[in-house]
Amino acid sequence: MTVRPLSLAALTVLELAPPDMVRCAAAAGYSHVGLRLIPATPTEVSYATIGDTPVIRDVLRRLSDTGVHVSDIEILRLTPDVDVRAFAAVLETAARLGAPNALVAGNDPDFSRLTANFAALCDLGAPLGIAMNIEPMPWTDVKNLQQGARLVADADKANAGVLIDALHFDRSGNVPADIAAVPQTRLRYMQLCDAPGERPQDVETLLYHARAARLMPGDGELDLAGILRALPRDLPVSLEIPMQELARTVPAVERAKQMRAKALALLATLD
């Protein structure tokens, strides 16, 4: 059986503080955890997660105590007015945590400027051993896998990657056959979840499903097996499955255990 590292994504257990995310990942049987050093929205709870802060020192202690590793940090947004150098402290913190990957969102309609900023971000991360992974999302300016692959190719940096999220991949109209056009060296990890087959027709619903109402692997109608078969067999898998309603009654560790069990069951069918 192919061993794929499983990571617990921050969005899955966003009700927890970062040190508790590490503890949750360990308790639920994950080898890795993803951490959100920069909030994705202005309404998210924010922690002091940049620099030598008490939160970061606590995270480091939990990582040492549990043996869990950090798979990735997020979220670096490339907007029209971004100063890429401002991400230096974030990436230095990520390197201290041992994170090999950073998640990047493309929020700039000027593709040439976006490419230049993405390339500069790659240069910032390279000495730290951190790859920059653009995540195509249908409501951003990098809407699908093709646009993500073009951005990475145009940036032409060794540590540039494309992150496939099963939900965004489907909602962007991509199909597993599209993955063959992306060099495997550009794929460093993927995000797994499930969802109903019917695609939302408005951005508000797309955002709600993505941030609050995903399904566990096997509970929806996405072609997860097709996506996984098209990806490298040992590609790390991050379980990004926010389920806001379920979180009201089921604790984070229990949800994380259920998700891991369903992911393992799906992966076992591929061998």
C-alpha atoms as a PDB file:
ATOM      1  CA  MET A   1       0.000   0.000   0.000  1.00  0.00           C
ATOM      2  CA  THR A   2       1.321   3.437  -0.974  1.00  0.00           C
ATOM      3  CA  VAL A   3       1.964   5.639   2.031  1.00  0.00           C
ATOM      4  CA  ARG A   4       0.738   9.186   1.609  1.00  0.00           C
ATOM      5  CA  PRO A   5       1.431  11.595   4.481  1.00  0.00           C
ATOM      6  CA  LEU A   6      -1.858  12.935   5.874  1.00  0.00           C
ATOM      7  CA  SER A   7      -2.071  16.465   7.212  1.00  0.00           C
ATOM      8  CA  LEU A   8      -4.849  18.136   9.171  1.00  0.00           C
ATOM      9  CA  ALA A   9      -5.534  21.496   7.505  1.00  0.00           C
ATOM     10  CA  ALA A  10      -6.055  24.569   9.659  1.00  0.00           C
ATOM     11  CA  LEU A  11      -9.454  25.355   8.110  1.00  0.00           C
ATOM     12  CA  THR A  12     -10.765  21.960   9.208  1.00  0.00           C
ATOM     13  CA  VAL A  13     -10.387  22.813  12.888  1.00  0.00           C
ATOM     14  CA  LEU A  14     -10.321  26.591  12.740  1.00  0.00           C
ATOM     15  CA  GLU A  15     -12.038  26.863  16.123  1.00  0.00           C
ATOM     16  CA  LEU A  16      -8.747  25.793  17.716  1.00  0.00           C
ATOM     17  CA  ALA A  17      -5.717  27.936  18.483  1.00  0.00           C
ATOM     18  CA  PRO A  18      -2.575  26.873  16.556  1.00  0.00           C
ATOM     19  CA  PRO A  19      -0.978  24.931  19.460  1.00  0.00           C
ATOM     20  CA  ASP A  20      -4.243  23.037  19.930  1.00  0.00           C
ATOM     21  CA  MET A  21      -4.314  22.231  16.204  1.00  0.00           C
ATOM     22  CA  VAL A  22      -1.021  20.402  16.686  1.00  0.00           C
ATOM     23  CA  ARG A  23      -2.386  18.495  19.661  1.00  0.00           C
ATOM     24  CA  CYS A  24      -5.578  17.657  17.743  1.00  0.00           C
ATOM     25  CA  ALA A  25      -3.625  16.342  14.755  1.00  0.00           C
ATOM     26  CA  ALA A  26      -1.568  14.106  17.028  1.00  0.00           C
ATOM     27  CA  ALA A  27      -4.602  12.811  18.932  1.00  0.00           C
ATOM     28  CA  ALA A  28      -6.402  11.988  15.670  1.00  0.00           C
ATOM     29  CA  GLY A  29      -3.467  10.092  14.180  1.00  0.00           C
ATOM     30  CA  TYR A  30      -2.093  12.575  11.637  1.00  0.00           C
ATOM     31  CA  SER A  31       1.619  12.861  10.927  1.00  0.00           C
ATOM     32  CA  HIS A  32       1.331  16.486   9.793  1.00  0.00           C
ATOM     33  CA  VAL A  33      -0.622  19.662  10.427  1.00  0.00           C
ATOM     34  CA  GLY A  34      -1.222  22.829   8.418  1.00  0.00           C
ATOM     35  CA  LEU A  35      -1.146  26.169  10.218  1.00  0.00           C
ATOM     36  CA  ARG A  36      -2.705  29.499   9.304  1.00  0.00           C
ATOM     37  CA  LEU A  37      -0.205  32.218  10.189  1.00  0.00           C
ATOM     38  CA  ILE A  38      -2.185  34.927   8.372  1.00  0.00           C
ATOM     39  CA  PRO A  39      -6.002  34.966   8.646  1.00  0.00           C
ATOM     40  CA  ALA A  40      -7.825  34.375   5.354  1.00  0.00           C
ATOM     41  CA  THR A  41     -10.590  36.884   6.163  1.00  0.00           C
ATOM     42  CA  PRO A  42     -10.861  39.974   8.376  1.00  0.00           C
ATOM     43  CA  THR A  43     -13.478  38.252  10.559  1.00  0.00           C
ATOM     44  CA  GLU A  44     -11.290  35.292  11.549  1.00  0.00           C
ATOM     45  CA  VAL A  45      -9.834  35.039  15.016  1.00  0.00           C
ATOM     46  CA  SER A  46      -6.256  36.277  14.841  1.00  0.00           C
ATOM     47  CA  TYR A  47      -3.314  34.978  16.892  1.00  0.00           C
ATOM     48  CA  ALA A  48       0.183  36.351  17.376  1.00  0.00           C
ATOM     49  CA  THR A  49       1.760  33.830  15.008  1.00  0.00           C
ATOM     50  CA  ILE A  50       4.570  35.797  13.376  1.00  0.00           C
ATOM     51  CA  GLY A  51       7.964  35.962  15.047  1.00  0.00           C
ATOM     52  CA  ASP A  52       9.154  34.680  18.397  1.00  0.00           C
ATOM     53  CA  THR A  53       5.788  34.898  20.145  1.00  0.00           C
ATOM     54  CA  PRO A  54       4.360  32.838  23.021  1.00  0.00           C
ATOM     55  CA  VAL A  55       1.970  31.163  20.558  1.00  0.00           C
ATOM     56  CA  ILE A  56       4.781  30.106  18.249  1.00  0.00           C
ATOM     57  CA  ARG A  57       6.890  28.863  21.168  1.00  0.00           C
ATOM     58  CA  ASP A  58       3.894  26.820  22.323  1.00  0.00           C
ATOM     59  CA  VAL A  59       3.448  25.396  18.818  1.00  0.00           C
ATOM     60  CA  LEU A  60       7.112  24.401  18.749  1.00  0.00           C
ATOM     61  CA  ARG A  61       6.759  22.651  22.109  1.00  0.00           C
ATOM     62  CA  ARG A  62       3.689  20.758  20.914  1.00  0.00           C
ATOM     63  CA  LEU A  63       5.461  19.718  17.718  1.00  0.00           C
ATOM     64  CA  SER A  64       8.418  18.453  19.713  1.00  0.00           C
ATOM     65  CA  ASP A  65       6.232  16.630  22.236  1.00  0.00           C
ATOM     66  CA  THR A  66       3.981  14.940  19.661  1.00  0.00           C
ATOM     67  CA  GLY A  67       6.313  14.296  16.731  1.00  0.00           C
ATOM     68  CA  VAL A  68       3.824  15.989  14.384  1.00  0.00           C
ATOM     69  CA  HIS A  69       5.353  17.976  11.506  1.00  0.00           C
ATOM     70  CA  VAL A  70       4.073  21.154   9.853  1.00  0.00           C
ATOM     71  CA  SER A  71       3.151  20.464   6.230  1.00  0.00           C
ATOM     72  CA  ASP A  72       2.289  24.002   5.149  1.00  0.00           C
ATOM     73  CA  ILE A  73       1.441  27.518   6.260  1.00  0.00           C
ATOM     74  CA  GLU A  74      -1.107  29.916   4.825  1.00  0.00           C
ATOM     75  CA  ILE A  75      -2.296  32.234   3.452  1.00  0.00           C
ATOM     76  CA  LEU A  76      -0.163  34.610   1.387  1.00  0.00           C
ATOM     77  CA  ARG A  77      -2.345  36.833  -0.818  1.00  0.00           C
ATOM     78  CA  LEU A  78      -0.846  38.497  -3.863  1.00  0.00           C
ATOM     79  CA  THR A  79      -2.952  41.623  -4.348  1.00  0.00           C
ATOM     80  CA  PRO A  80      -2.274  44.514  -6.752  1.00  0.00           C
ATOM     81  CA  ASP A  81      -0.611  46.613  -4.039  1.00  0.00           C
ATOM     82  CA  VAL A  82       1.258  43.815  -2.248  1.00  0.00           C
ATOM     83  CA  ASP A  83       4.809  44.355  -1.041  1.00  0.00           C
ATOM     84  CA  VAL A  84       6.229  40.850  -1.237  1.00  0.00           C
ATOM     85  CA  ARG A  85       9.048  41.788   1.149  1.00  0.00           C
ATOM     86  CA  ALA A  86       6.429  42.197   3.884  1.00  0.00           C
ATOM     87  CA  PHE A  87       6.068  38.383   3.912  1.00  0.00           C
ATOM     88  CA  ALA A  88       9.666  37.898   5.055  1.00  0.00           C
ATOM     89  CA  ALA A  89       8.818  37.560   8.757  1.00  0.00           C
ATOM     90  CA  VAL A  90       5.988  35.143   7.969  1.00  0.00           C
ATOM     91  CA  LEU A  91       8.295  32.913   5.959  1.00  0.00           C
ATOM     92  CA  GLU A  92      11.020  33.076   8.593  1.00  0.00           C
ATOM     93  CA  THR A  93       8.445  31.881  11.125  1.00  0.00           C
ATOM     94  CA  ALA A  94       7.353  29.131   8.740  1.00  0.00           C
ATOM     95  CA  ALA A  95      10.959  28.006   8.384  1.00  0.00           C
ATOM     96  CA  ARG A  96      11.344  27.930  12.161  1.00  0.00           C
ATOM     97  CA  LEU A  97       8.300  25.643  12.285  1.00  0.00           C
ATOM     98  CA  GLY A  98       9.826  23.406   9.628  1.00  0.00           C
ATOM     99  CA  ALA A  99       7.132  24.062   7.018  1.00  0.00           C
ATOM    100  CA  PRO A 100       8.237  23.105   3.487  1.00  0.00           C
ATOM    101  CA  ASN A 101       5.219  24.711   1.781  1.00  0.00           C
ATOM    102  CA  ALA A 102       3.337  28.003   1.739  1.00  0.00           C
ATOM    103  CA  LEU A 103      -0.129  28.439   0.242  1.00  0.00           C
ATOM    104  CA  VAL A 104      -0.535  31.420  -2.086  1.00  0.00           C
ATOM    105  CA  ALA A 105      -3.701  33.062  -3.435  1.00  0.00           C
ATOM    106  CA  GLY A 106      -3.656  35.105  -6.648  1.00  0.00           C
ATOM    107  CA  ASN A 107      -5.833  38.180  -6.135  1.00  0.00           C
ATOM    108  CA  ASP A 108      -4.484  40.408  -8.907  1.00  0.00           C
ATOM    109  CA  PRO A 109      -6.145  40.705 -12.341  1.00  0.00           C
ATOM    110  CA  ASP A 110      -2.882  41.960 -13.899  1.00  0.00           C
ATOM    111  CA  PHE A 111      -1.303  38.613 -14.788  1.00  0.00           C
ATOM    112  CA  SER A 112       2.077  40.100 -15.606  1.00  0.00           C
ATOM    113  CA  ARG A 113       2.317  41.846 -12.236  1.00  0.00           C
ATOM    114  CA  LEU A 114       0.975  38.762 -10.460  1.00  0.00           C
ATOM    115  CA  THR A 115       3.657  36.645 -12.130  1.00  0.00           C
ATOM    116  CA  ALA A 116       6.414  39.054 -11.119  1.00  0.00           C
ATOM    117  CA  ASN A 117       5.220  39.122  -7.514  1.00  0.00           C
ATOM    118  CA  PHE A 118       4.854  35.338  -7.398  1.00  0.00           C
ATOM    119  CA  ALA A 119       8.400  34.953  -8.734  1.00  0.00           C
ATOM    120  CA  ALA A 120       9.663  37.428  -6.114  1.00  0.00           C
ATOM    121  CA  LEU A 121       7.844  35.461  -3.405  1.00  0.00           C
ATOM    122  CA  CYS A 122       9.509  32.276  -4.630  1.00  0.00           C
ATOM    123  CA  ASP A 123      12.888  34.019  -4.376  1.00  0.00           C
ATOM    124  CA  LEU A 124      12.055  35.045  -0.814  1.00  0.00           C
ATOM    125  CA  GLY A 125      11.170  31.487   0.163  1.00  0.00           C
ATOM    126  CA  ALA A 126      13.952  29.636  -1.654  1.00  0.00           C
ATOM    127  CA  PRO A 127      16.788  30.256   0.854  1.00  0.00           C
ATOM    128  CA  LEU A 128      14.433  29.052   3.609  1.00  0.00           C
ATOM    129  CA  GLY A 129      13.565  25.833   1.794  1.00  0.00           C
ATOM    130  CA  ILE A 130       9.926  26.831   1.331  1.00  0.00           C
ATOM    131  CA  ALA A 131       7.972  26.178  -1.870  1.00  0.00           C
ATOM    132  CA  MET A 132       5.270  28.624  -2.967  1.00  0.00           C
ATOM    133  CA  ASN A 133       2.078  26.863  -4.035  1.00  0.00           C
ATOM    134  CA  ILE A 134      -0.530  28.837  -5.932  1.00  0.00           C
ATOM    135  CA  GLU A 135      -4.034  27.581  -5.165  1.00  0.00           C
ATOM    136  CA  PRO A 136      -6.469  28.084  -8.041  1.00  0.00           C
ATOM    137  CA  MET A 137      -9.893  29.127  -6.712  1.00  0.00           C
ATOM    138  CA  PRO A 138     -12.812  30.072  -8.972  1.00  0.00           C
ATOM    139  CA  TRP A 139     -13.455  33.433  -7.251  1.00  0.00           C
ATOM    140  CA  THR A 140      -9.811  34.588  -7.448  1.00  0.00           C
ATOM    141  CA  ASP A 141      -7.789  35.786 -10.420  1.00  0.00           C
ATOM    142  CA  VAL A 142      -6.199  32.343 -10.747  1.00  0.00           C
ATOM    143  CA  LYS A 143      -9.446  30.505 -11.352  1.00  0.00           C
ATOM    144  CA  ASN A 144      -8.423  27.070 -12.564  1.00  0.00           C
ATOM    145  CA  LEU A 145      -5.575  24.606 -12.933  1.00  0.00           C
ATOM    146  CA  GLN A 146      -4.604  25.896 -16.370  1.00  0.00           C
ATOM    147  CA  GLN A 147      -4.127  29.448 -15.092  1.00  0.00           C
ATOM    148  CA  GLY A 148      -2.208  28.166 -12.064  1.00  0.00           C
ATOM    149  CA  ALA A 149       0.087  26.080 -14.249  1.00  0.00           C
ATOM    150  CA  ARG A 150       0.699  29.068 -16.534  1.00  0.00           C
ATOM    151  CA  LEU A 151       1.588  31.281 -13.572  1.00  0.00           C
ATOM    152  CA  VAL A 152       4.086  28.721 -12.300  1.00  0.00           C
ATOM    153  CA  ALA A 153       5.601  28.199 -15.747  1.00  0.00           C
ATOM    154  CA  ASP A 154       5.938  31.934 -16.390  1.00  0.00           C
ATOM    155  CA  ALA A 155       7.477  32.549 -12.959  1.00  0.00           C
ATOM    156  CA  ASP A 156      10.052  29.856 -13.822  1.00  0.00           C
ATOM    157  CA  LYS A 157      11.247  29.223 -10.271  1.00  0.00           C
ATOM    158  CA  ALA A 158      12.318  25.821  -8.966  1.00  0.00           C
ATOM    159  CA  ASN A 159      10.250  26.204  -5.783  1.00  0.00           C
ATOM    160  CA  ALA A 160       7.029  27.235  -7.554  1.00  0.00           C
ATOM    161  CA  GLY A 161       4.119  24.805  -7.318  1.00  0.00           C
ATOM    162  CA  VAL A 162       0.410  24.392  -7.988  1.00  0.00           C
ATOM    163  CA  LEU A 163      -1.896  23.242  -5.207  1.00  0.00           C
ATOM    164  CA  ILE A 164      -4.916  21.189  -6.244  1.00  0.00           C
ATOM    165  CA  ASP A 165      -7.866  21.450  -3.854  1.00  0.00           C
ATOM    166  CA  ALA A 166     -10.468  18.851  -4.823  1.00  0.00           C
ATOM    167  CA  LEU A 167     -13.383  21.246  -4.281  1.00  0.00           C
ATOM    168  CA  HIS A 168     -11.931  24.215  -6.167  1.00  0.00           C
ATOM    169  CA  PHE A 169     -10.642  21.883  -8.878  1.00  0.00           C
ATOM    170  CA  ASP A 170     -14.163  20.613  -9.536  1.00  0.00           C
ATOM    171  CA  ARG A 171     -15.900  23.978  -9.141  1.00  0.00           C
ATOM    172  CA  SER A 172     -13.495  25.500 -11.662  1.00  0.00           C
ATOM    173  CA  GLY A 173     -14.609  22.965 -14.249  1.00  0.00           C
ATOM    174  CA  ASN A 174     -11.380  20.980 -14.207  1.00  0.00           C
ATOM    175  CA  VAL A 175     -11.318  17.200 -14.714  1.00  0.00           C
ATOM    176  CA  PRO A 176      -8.651  14.642 -13.738  1.00  0.00           C
ATOM    177  CA  ALA A 177      -7.283  14.454 -17.294  1.00  0.00           C
ATOM    178  CA  ASP A 178      -6.187  18.100 -16.985  1.00  0.00           C
ATOM    179  CA  ILE A 179      -3.581  17.168 -14.375  1.00  0.00           C
ATOM    180  CA  ALA A 180      -1.400  15.399 -16.948  1.00  0.00           C
ATOM    181  CA  ALA A 181      -0.407  18.766 -18.428  1.00  0.00           C
ATOM    182  CA  VAL A 182       1.222  19.860 -15.159  1.00  0.00           C
ATOM    183  CA  PRO A 183       4.798  18.644 -14.515  1.00  0.00           C
ATOM    184  CA  GLN A 184       4.758  16.373 -11.470  1.00  0.00           C
ATOM    185  CA  THR A 185       7.642  18.357  -9.997  1.00  0.00           C
ATOM    186  CA  ARG A 186       5.190  21.258  -9.609  1.00  0.00           C
ATOM    187  CA  LEU A 187       2.857  19.226  -7.383  1.00  0.00           C
ATOM    188  CA  ARG A 188       3.965  19.195  -3.743  1.00  0.00           C
ATOM    189  CA  TYR A 189       0.750  18.414  -1.868  1.00  0.00           C
ATOM    190  CA  MET A 190      -3.007  18.435  -2.441  1.00  0.00           C
ATOM    191  CA  GLN A 191      -6.115  19.241  -0.412  1.00  0.00           C
ATOM    192  CA  LEU A 192      -8.824  16.608  -0.114  1.00  0.00           C
ATOM    193  CA  CYS A 193     -12.520  16.870   0.691  1.00  0.00           C
ATOM    194  CA  ASP A 194     -15.825  15.906  -0.906  1.00  0.00           C
ATOM    195  CA  ALA A 195     -18.912  17.867  -1.952  1.00  0.00           C
ATOM    196  CA  PRO A 196     -22.268  17.499  -3.700  1.00  0.00           C
ATOM    197  CA  GLY A 197     -22.045  17.073  -7.453  1.00  0.00           C
ATOM    198  CA  GLU A 198     -24.163  20.126  -8.243  1.00  0.00           C
ATOM    199  CA  ARG A 199     -21.994  23.205  -8.639  1.00  0.00           C
ATOM    200  CA  PRO A 200     -23.146  26.481  -7.035  1.00  0.00           C
ATOM    201  CA  GLN A 201     -23.959  29.206  -9.541  1.00  0.00           C
ATOM    202  CA  ASP A 202     -23.066  32.234  -7.421  1.00  0.00           C
ATOM    203  CA  VAL A 203     -19.911  33.309  -5.640  1.00  0.00           C
ATOM    204  CA  GLU A 204     -21.589  33.655  -2.245  1.00  0.00           C
ATOM    205  CA  THR A 205     -22.587  29.975  -2.234  1.00  0.00           C
ATOM    206  CA  LEU A 206     -19.205  28.920  -3.597  1.00  0.00           C
ATOM    207  CA  LEU A 207     -17.507  30.712  -0.722  1.00  0.00           C
ATOM    208  CA  TYR A 208     -19.878  29.290   1.873  1.00  0.00           C
ATOM    209  CA  HIS A 209     -19.346  25.715   0.726  1.00  0.00           C
ATOM    210  CA  ALA A 210     -15.573  26.200   0.544  1.00  0.00           C
ATOM    211  CA  ARG A 211     -15.209  27.769   3.976  1.00  0.00           C
ATOM    212  CA  ALA A 212     -17.949  26.123   6.005  1.00  0.00           C
ATOM    213  CA  ALA A 213     -19.795  23.225   4.369  1.00  0.00           C
ATOM    214  CA  ARG A 214     -17.584  20.612   2.773  1.00  0.00           C
ATOM    215  CA  LEU A 215     -18.099  16.862   3.085  1.00  0.00           C
ATOM    216  CA  MET A 216     -15.834  14.045   4.209  1.00  0.00           C
ATOM    217  CA  PRO A 217     -14.242  11.871   1.499  1.00  0.00           C
ATOM    218  CA  GLY A 218     -16.791   9.427   0.106  1.00  0.00           C
ATOM    219  CA  ASP A 219     -19.808  11.360   1.381  1.00  0.00           C
ATOM    220  CA  GLY A 220     -20.209  13.451  -1.774  1.00  0.00           C
ATOM    221  CA  GLU A 221     -20.016  13.108  -5.525  1.00  0.00           C
ATOM    222  CA  LEU A 222     -16.636  14.539  -6.528  1.00  0.00           C
ATOM    223  CA  ASP A 223     -14.381  12.292  -8.610  1.00  0.00           C
ATOM    224  CA  LEU A 224     -11.842  11.981  -5.824  1.00  0.00           C
ATOM    225  CA  ALA A 225     -10.506   8.644  -7.049  1.00  0.00           C
ATOM    226  CA  GLY A 226      -9.933  10.112 -10.497  1.00  0.00           C
ATOM    227  CA  ILE A 227      -8.113  13.136  -9.095  1.00  0.00           C
ATOM    228  CA  LEU A 228      -5.931  11.051  -6.799  1.00  0.00           C
ATOM    229  CA  ARG A 229      -5.054   8.566  -9.535  1.00  0.00           C
ATOM    230  CA  ALA A 230      -3.907  11.452 -11.741  1.00  0.00           C
ATOM    231  CA  LEU A 231      -1.588  12.771  -9.026  1.00  0.00           C
ATOM    232  CA  PRO A 232       1.761  11.306  -7.909  1.00  0.00           C
ATOM    233  CA  ARG A 233       1.054   8.210  -5.805  1.00  0.00           C
ATOM    234  CA  ASP A 234       3.057   9.461  -2.827  1.00  0.00           C
ATOM    235  CA  LEU A 235       1.824  13.070  -2.895  1.00  0.00           C
ATOM    236  CA  PRO A 236       1.054  14.352   0.634  1.00  0.00           C
ATOM    237  CA  VAL A 237      -2.655  14.862   1.291  1.00  0.00           C
ATOM    238  CA  SER A 238      -4.060  17.653   3.439  1.00  0.00           C
ATOM    239  CA  LEU A 239      -7.603  17.128   4.699  1.00  0.00           C
ATOM    240  CA  GLU A 240      -9.282  20.520   4.371  1.00  0.00           C
ATOM    241  CA  ILE A 241     -12.873  19.809   5.386  1.00  0.00           C
ATOM    242  CA  PRO A 242     -14.561  22.659   7.259  1.00  0.00           C
ATOM    243  CA  MET A 243     -17.976  21.478   8.478  1.00  0.00           C
ATOM    244  CA  GLN A 244     -19.452  24.329  10.463  1.00  0.00           C
ATOM    245  CA  GLU A 245     -22.705  22.633  11.387  1.00  0.00           C
ATOM    246  CA  LEU A 246     -21.052  19.390  12.494  1.00  0.00           C
ATOM    247  CA  ALA A 247     -18.529  21.383  14.526  1.00  0.00           C
ATOM    248  CA  ARG A 248     -21.367  22.650  16.731  1.00  0.00           C
ATOM    249  CA  THR A 249     -21.874  19.175  18.193  1.00  0.00           C
ATOM    250  CA  VAL A 250     -18.796  17.082  17.379  1.00  0.00           C
ATOM    251  CA  PRO A 251     -15.425  18.012  18.926  1.00  0.00           C
ATOM    252  CA  ALA A 252     -12.442  18.703  16.677  1.00  0.00           C
ATOM    253  CA  VAL A 253     -10.526  15.527  17.534  1.00  0.00           C
ATOM    254  CA  GLU A 254     -13.505  13.301  16.804  1.00  0.00           C
ATOM    255  CA  ARG A 255     -14.198  15.047  13.480  1.00  0.00           C
ATOM    256  CA  ALA A 256     -10.541  14.766  12.540  1.00  0.00           C
ATOM    257  CA  LYS A 257     -10.550  11.039  13.329  1.00  0.00           C
ATOM    258  CA  GLN A 258     -13.647  10.452  11.181  1.00  0.00           C
ATOM    259  CA  MET A 259     -12.123  12.389   8.294  1.00  0.00           C
ATOM    260  CA  ARG A 260      -8.847  10.510   8.506  1.00  0.00           C
ATOM    261  CA  ALA A 261     -10.650   7.149   8.537  1.00  0.00           C
ATOM    262  CA  LYS A 262     -12.681   8.074   5.453  1.00  0.00           C
ATOM    263  CA  ALA A 263      -9.591   9.369   3.646  1.00  0.00           C
ATOM    264  CA  LEU A 264      -7.674   6.182   4.393  1.00  0.00           C
ATOM    265  CA  ALA A 265     -10.596   4.091   3.176  1.00  0.00           C
ATOM    266  CA  LEU A 266     -10.633   6.030  -0.105  1.00  0.00           C
ATOM    267  CA  LEU A 267      -6.867   5.803  -0.543  1.00  0.00           C
ATOM    268  CA  ALA A 268      -6.985   2.042   0.071  1.00  0.00           C
ATOM    269  CA  THR A 269      -9.222   1.631  -2.971  1.00  0.00           C
ATOM    270  CA  LEU A 270      -6.522   3.089  -5.220  1.00  0.00           C
ATOM    271  CA  ASP A 271      -3.852   0.452  -4.515  1.00  0.00           C
END
